[in-house]
Protein backbone atom coordinates (compact mmCIF):
# COMPACT_ATOMS: atom_id res chain seq x y z
CA MET A 1 -14.01 -29.05 1.79
CA ILE A 2 -16.62 -30.13 4.34
CA LYS A 3 -18.86 -27.40 5.69
CA CYS A 4 -21.40 -27.31 8.49
CA VAL A 5 -24.59 -25.98 6.95
CA ALA A 6 -28.06 -25.19 8.23
CA GLY A 7 -29.95 -26.38 5.16
CA HIS A 8 -30.96 -25.63 1.58
CA GLY A 9 -34.73 -26.17 1.70
CA THR A 10 -37.77 -23.92 1.63
CA LEU A 11 -39.40 -23.74 5.06
CA ILE A 12 -43.09 -24.74 5.13
CA ASP A 13 -43.81 -25.16 8.85
CA GLU A 14 -41.78 -25.10 12.06
CA LEU A 15 -42.01 -26.10 15.71
CA ARG A 16 -39.38 -24.71 18.09
CA LEU A 17 -38.99 -26.04 21.60
CA PRO A 18 -36.14 -25.50 24.08
CA GLU A 19 -34.78 -29.00 23.40
CA LEU A 20 -35.66 -29.59 19.73
CA ARG A 21 -36.58 -27.98 16.44
CA ALA A 22 -38.86 -29.65 13.89
CA THR A 23 -39.26 -28.24 10.39
CA GLU A 24 -41.25 -29.23 7.35
CA VAL A 25 -39.23 -28.29 4.27
CA HIS A 26 -39.20 -28.66 0.50
CA HIS A 27 -36.03 -29.27 -1.49
CA ALA A 28 -36.09 -28.35 -5.16
CA PRO A 29 -35.94 -30.92 -7.99
CA GLY A 30 -32.41 -31.82 -9.03
CA LEU A 31 -30.80 -30.06 -6.07
CA ALA A 32 -27.32 -31.50 -5.40
CA ILE A 33 -25.60 -30.48 -2.17
CA ALA A 34 -21.84 -31.04 -1.88
CA SER A 35 -20.13 -32.62 1.12
CA HIS A 36 -21.15 -30.98 4.38
CA ALA A 37 -21.99 -31.78 7.99
CA HIS A 38 -24.33 -30.55 10.73
CA ASP A 39 -23.43 -29.73 14.32
CA VAL A 40 -26.61 -31.26 15.74
CA PRO A 41 -28.06 -34.79 15.37
CA LYS A 42 -31.05 -35.02 13.03
CA LEU A 43 -33.99 -37.22 12.18
CA VAL A 44 -35.24 -37.04 8.59
CA VAL A 45 -38.54 -38.34 7.25
CA VAL A 46 -39.23 -37.90 3.53
CA LEU A 47 -42.95 -37.25 3.08
CA ALA A 48 -43.08 -37.08 -0.72
CA GLY A 49 -40.70 -37.05 -3.65
CA GLY A 50 -37.26 -38.63 -3.43
CA ALA A 51 -33.80 -38.03 -2.03
CA SER A 52 -30.49 -39.87 -1.97
CA GLU A 53 -27.59 -39.43 0.44
CA ARG A 54 -23.99 -40.58 0.26
CA HIS A 55 -21.83 -40.93 3.35
CA GLY A 56 -18.65 -42.95 3.42
CA LEU A 57 -19.14 -46.11 1.38
CA GLU A 58 -22.93 -45.92 1.46
CA VAL A 59 -25.57 -44.48 -0.81
CA VAL A 60 -28.98 -44.41 0.86
CA ASP A 61 -32.17 -43.80 -1.09
CA ALA A 62 -34.80 -42.43 1.28
CA ALA A 63 -37.99 -44.44 1.59
CA VAL A 64 -41.12 -42.36 2.12
CA PHE A 65 -42.18 -42.19 5.79
CA GLU A 66 -39.14 -44.10 7.08
CA VAL A 67 -37.18 -42.13 9.67
CA THR A 68 -33.43 -41.90 9.13
CA ALA A 69 -31.02 -40.86 11.89
CA ARG A 70 -28.04 -38.67 11.06
CA PRO A 71 -25.37 -38.19 13.77
CA ARG A 72 -23.73 -34.84 14.30
CA PHE A 73 -20.68 -34.06 12.14
CA LEU A 74 -21.38 -36.89 9.70
CA ALA A 75 -19.94 -35.79 6.35
CA HIS A 76 -22.48 -36.47 3.61
CA GLU A 77 -23.77 -35.32 0.22
CA ASN A 78 -27.43 -35.01 -0.80
CA GLN A 79 -29.19 -35.30 -4.15
CA TYR A 80 -32.89 -34.62 -4.67
CA HIS A 81 -34.85 -36.41 -7.36
CA GLY A 82 -36.91 -35.22 -10.30
CA ARG A 83 -39.85 -34.06 -8.16
CA GLY A 84 -37.69 -32.71 -5.35
CA ALA A 85 -38.50 -33.81 -1.81
CA HIS A 86 -40.89 -32.76 0.92
CA SER A 87 -39.44 -33.70 4.32
CA LEU A 88 -39.81 -33.45 8.09
CA ILE A 89 -36.49 -32.71 9.81
CA VAL A 90 -36.05 -32.90 13.58
CA GLU A 91 -32.94 -31.50 15.28
CA CYS A 92 -32.33 -32.53 18.88
CA ASP A 93 -29.16 -32.85 20.97
CA ALA A 94 -30.77 -35.67 22.95
CA LEU A 95 -30.47 -37.88 19.85
CA ALA A 96 -26.68 -37.95 20.09
CA ASP A 97 -25.52 -41.53 20.65
CA PRO A 98 -22.27 -42.81 19.10
CA ARG A 99 -23.46 -46.41 19.42
CA SER A 100 -26.21 -45.90 16.85
CA PRO A 101 -24.94 -45.36 13.28
CA PRO A 102 -27.27 -44.24 10.45
CA GLY A 103 -29.63 -46.93 9.31
CA ALA A 104 -29.42 -48.94 12.53
CA LEU A 105 -33.23 -49.28 12.72
CA ASP A 106 -34.93 -52.10 10.86
CA ARG A 107 -37.27 -50.91 8.11
CA ALA A 108 -40.51 -51.78 9.89
CA THR A 109 -39.45 -49.86 13.00
CA ALA A 110 -38.16 -46.94 10.92
CA ARG A 111 -41.50 -46.69 9.12
CA ARG A 112 -43.56 -46.96 12.31
CA LEU A 113 -41.54 -44.29 14.10
CA GLY A 114 -41.43 -42.07 11.02
CA ALA A 115 -45.22 -42.18 10.73
CA ARG A 116 -45.51 -41.32 14.41
CA LEU A 117 -43.24 -38.29 14.06
CA VAL A 118 -45.26 -37.05 11.11
CA ALA A 119 -48.57 -37.57 12.92
CA ALA A 120 -47.28 -35.69 15.97
CA PHE A 121 -46.05 -32.78 13.88
CA ARG A 122 -49.11 -32.51 11.64
CA GLY A 123 -51.76 -33.12 14.27
CA GLU A 124 -53.80 -30.56 16.15
CA ARG A 125 -51.80 -27.58 17.39
CA THR A 126 -53.01 -28.17 20.91
CA GLY A 127 -50.63 -30.65 22.48
CA ARG A 128 -48.27 -30.73 19.49
CA ALA A 129 -45.20 -29.98 21.60
CA ARG A 130 -45.98 -32.81 24.01
CA ARG A 131 -46.61 -35.27 21.17
CA MET A 132 -43.39 -34.33 19.42
CA ARG A 133 -41.35 -34.77 22.61
CA ARG A 134 -42.80 -38.23 23.14
CA ALA A 135 -42.29 -39.25 19.50
CA VAL A 136 -38.67 -38.07 19.51
CA ASP A 137 -38.05 -39.85 22.82
CA ASP A 138 -39.37 -43.08 21.28
CA VAL A 139 -37.01 -42.74 18.32
CA ALA A 140 -34.05 -42.02 20.61
CA GLN A 141 -34.89 -45.07 22.72
CA ALA A 142 -35.15 -47.27 19.62
CA LEU A 143 -31.79 -46.00 18.34
CA ARG A 144 -30.12 -46.75 21.67
CA ALA A 145 -31.55 -50.28 21.61
CA ALA A 146 -30.64 -50.97 17.97
CA ARG A 147 -27.56 -53.04 17.28
CA PRO A 148 -24.97 -51.60 14.89
CA PRO A 149 -24.69 -53.70 11.72
CA SER A 150 -21.85 -56.19 11.80
CA GLY A 151 -20.35 -58.90 9.63
CA PRO A 152 -17.14 -60.73 8.77
CA ALA A 153 -14.07 -58.78 7.75
CA TRP A 154 -14.12 -60.30 4.24
CA LEU A 155 -17.56 -58.80 3.63
CA ASP A 156 -16.35 -55.29 4.45
CA ALA A 157 -13.31 -55.92 2.26
CA ALA A 158 -15.56 -56.96 -0.63
CA ARG A 159 -17.61 -53.78 -0.41
CA GLU A 160 -14.48 -51.64 -0.14
CA GLN A 161 -13.17 -53.19 -3.35
CA LEU A 162 -16.45 -52.53 -5.15
CA PHE A 163 -16.42 -48.93 -3.95
CA ALA A 164 -12.82 -48.43 -5.06
CA GLN A 165 -13.61 -49.76 -8.55
CA ILE A 166 -17.13 -48.49 -9.18
CA ALA A 167 -16.39 -47.52 -12.79
CA ALA A 168 -14.94 -50.97 -13.60
CA PRO A 169 -15.84 -53.32 -10.74
CA PRO A 170 -14.78 -56.96 -10.50
CA THR A 171 -17.34 -59.63 -11.33
CA LEU A 172 -18.96 -61.46 -8.45
CA ALA A 173 -16.75 -64.48 -9.18
CA GLU A 174 -13.62 -62.33 -9.21
CA LEU A 175 -14.64 -60.60 -6.00
CA GLY A 176 -15.32 -63.96 -4.35
CA ASP A 177 -11.85 -65.19 -5.35
CA ARG A 178 -10.24 -62.08 -3.90
CA VAL A 179 -11.87 -62.43 -0.49
CA GLY A 180 -11.86 -66.24 -0.44
CA VAL A 181 -15.64 -66.81 -0.45
CA HIS A 182 -17.98 -68.56 -2.89
CA PRO A 183 -19.75 -65.89 -5.01
CA VAL A 184 -23.22 -67.18 -4.08
CA HIS A 185 -22.41 -66.91 -0.36
CA LEU A 186 -20.90 -63.49 -0.96
CA ALA A 187 -24.04 -62.24 -2.71
CA GLN A 188 -26.30 -63.62 0.03
CA ALA A 189 -24.18 -62.12 2.83
CA PHE A 190 -23.97 -58.75 1.04
CA ARG A 191 -27.73 -58.57 0.69
CA ALA A 192 -28.36 -59.61 4.30
CA ARG A 193 -25.94 -56.97 5.62
CA TRP A 194 -26.83 -53.99 3.43
CA GLN A 195 -30.29 -54.87 2.02
CA THR A 196 -29.02 -54.57 -1.55
CA THR A 197 -27.16 -56.66 -4.08
CA PRO A 198 -23.56 -55.98 -5.16
CA GLN A 199 -24.86 -55.04 -8.62
CA ALA A 200 -27.40 -52.58 -7.19
CA TYR A 201 -24.72 -51.15 -4.89
CA VAL A 202 -22.47 -50.42 -7.87
CA ARG A 203 -25.37 -48.93 -9.85
CA ALA A 204 -26.39 -46.64 -6.96
CA HIS A 205 -22.86 -45.26 -6.66
CA ARG A 206 -22.54 -44.83 -10.43
CA VAL A 207 -25.77 -42.84 -10.55
CA PHE A 208 -24.74 -40.70 -7.59
CA ARG A 209 -21.33 -39.96 -9.10
CA ALA A 210 -22.86 -39.25 -12.49
CA VAL A 211 -25.38 -36.75 -11.08
CA GLU A 212 -22.58 -35.18 -9.06
CA GLN A 213 -20.48 -34.68 -12.19
CA ILE A 214 -23.47 -33.42 -14.17
CA ALA A 215 -24.09 -30.84 -11.43
CA ALA A 216 -20.45 -29.78 -11.81
CA GLY A 217 -20.99 -29.16 -15.54
CA GLY A 218 -19.63 -32.36 -17.06
CA ALA A 219 -20.67 -33.31 -20.60
CA LEU A 220 -23.12 -36.21 -20.52
CA ALA A 221 -21.13 -38.53 -22.77
CA GLU A 222 -17.95 -37.88 -20.80
CA VAL A 223 -19.74 -38.42 -17.49
CA ALA A 224 -21.16 -41.74 -18.73
CA ALA A 225 -17.67 -42.97 -19.68
CA ALA A 226 -16.08 -41.75 -16.45
CA THR A 227 -18.65 -43.43 -14.21
CA GLY A 228 -18.66 -46.84 -15.90
CA PHE A 229 -21.88 -46.80 -17.91
CA ALA A 230 -21.86 -48.57 -21.28
CA ASP A 231 -22.78 -45.32 -23.03
CA GLN A 232 -24.81 -42.13 -22.58
CA SER A 233 -28.10 -43.90 -23.29
CA HIS A 234 -27.37 -46.48 -20.60
CA MET A 235 -26.59 -43.72 -18.10
CA THR A 236 -29.77 -41.85 -19.06
CA ARG A 237 -31.94 -44.91 -18.45
CA CYS A 238 -30.34 -45.63 -15.07
CA ILE A 239 -30.58 -42.02 -13.86
CA HIS A 240 -34.17 -41.71 -15.07
CA ARG A 241 -35.12 -44.86 -13.18
CA ALA A 242 -33.31 -43.84 -9.99
CA ARG A 243 -34.11 -40.10 -9.97
CA GLN A 244 -37.48 -39.98 -11.79
CA ALA A 245 -36.00 -37.59 -14.35
CA PRO A 246 -33.44 -37.89 -17.17
CA PRO A 247 -30.03 -36.19 -16.86
CA GLY A 248 -31.03 -33.33 -19.15
CA ALA A 249 -34.04 -32.43 -17.00
CA LEU A 250 -31.96 -32.57 -13.84
CA ARG A 251 -29.35 -30.33 -15.44
CA ARG A 252 -31.99 -27.80 -16.51
CA ALA A 253 -33.38 -27.75 -12.97
CA MET A 254 -29.88 -27.16 -11.60
CA ARG A 255 -29.21 -24.30 -14.03
CA HIS A 256 -32.60 -22.74 -13.30
CA ARG A 257 -31.50 -22.15 -9.70
CA GLU A 258 -28.12 -20.61 -10.53
CA PRO A 259 -27.91 -16.88 -9.61
């Protein structure tokens, strides 16, 4: 069931204006938040630590100081890495624009605008409201100018098939045969469209699903088998690399927060 939630972080600092709210928050290590949505558009800049988000067919690993736009009512799940995450979150109705999906900004622009938001928020208190308004306006303008990602129908079909078979995906050659494209061209087009390889895409979803099932209390060996890893050791290595903590440490952090 999708819920609209305000947030699960610890508030560190806040700026409230009539048209926007900016908060600096910390999310605990290993925190896994089930599917939910927000009723206001948001900008998120991870300042330290790590976080991953799944929405639809995508898993996005936050890059430090890159701003990410999240439209209102976008159903998504969040997972925070082994050190948790320290983030700046900006809520503003003026950011609403259905033409600009998440991740529409190129990485250089996202990093430049993220750094500007952080500088405006963390700068001298005098003039902070004015700086934040200007920084948010710049992000909104960039989002309106950004082109939504596009590609051939066979490329979307290829990703949909990978997503549907994450635990036992087709090989690149098999996938190319299914969509009628040479596997080398498929791999190149996949990387150009989504800035990741098909193999990395599968691995990111496997890790996300595994952490999700671990948070729900699944036994590690059973989770490894259900999510397509060769064995528990393979899953442990992949999660440790992606989340900066092994599954056992993440599970202990999750249990530590239970009431």
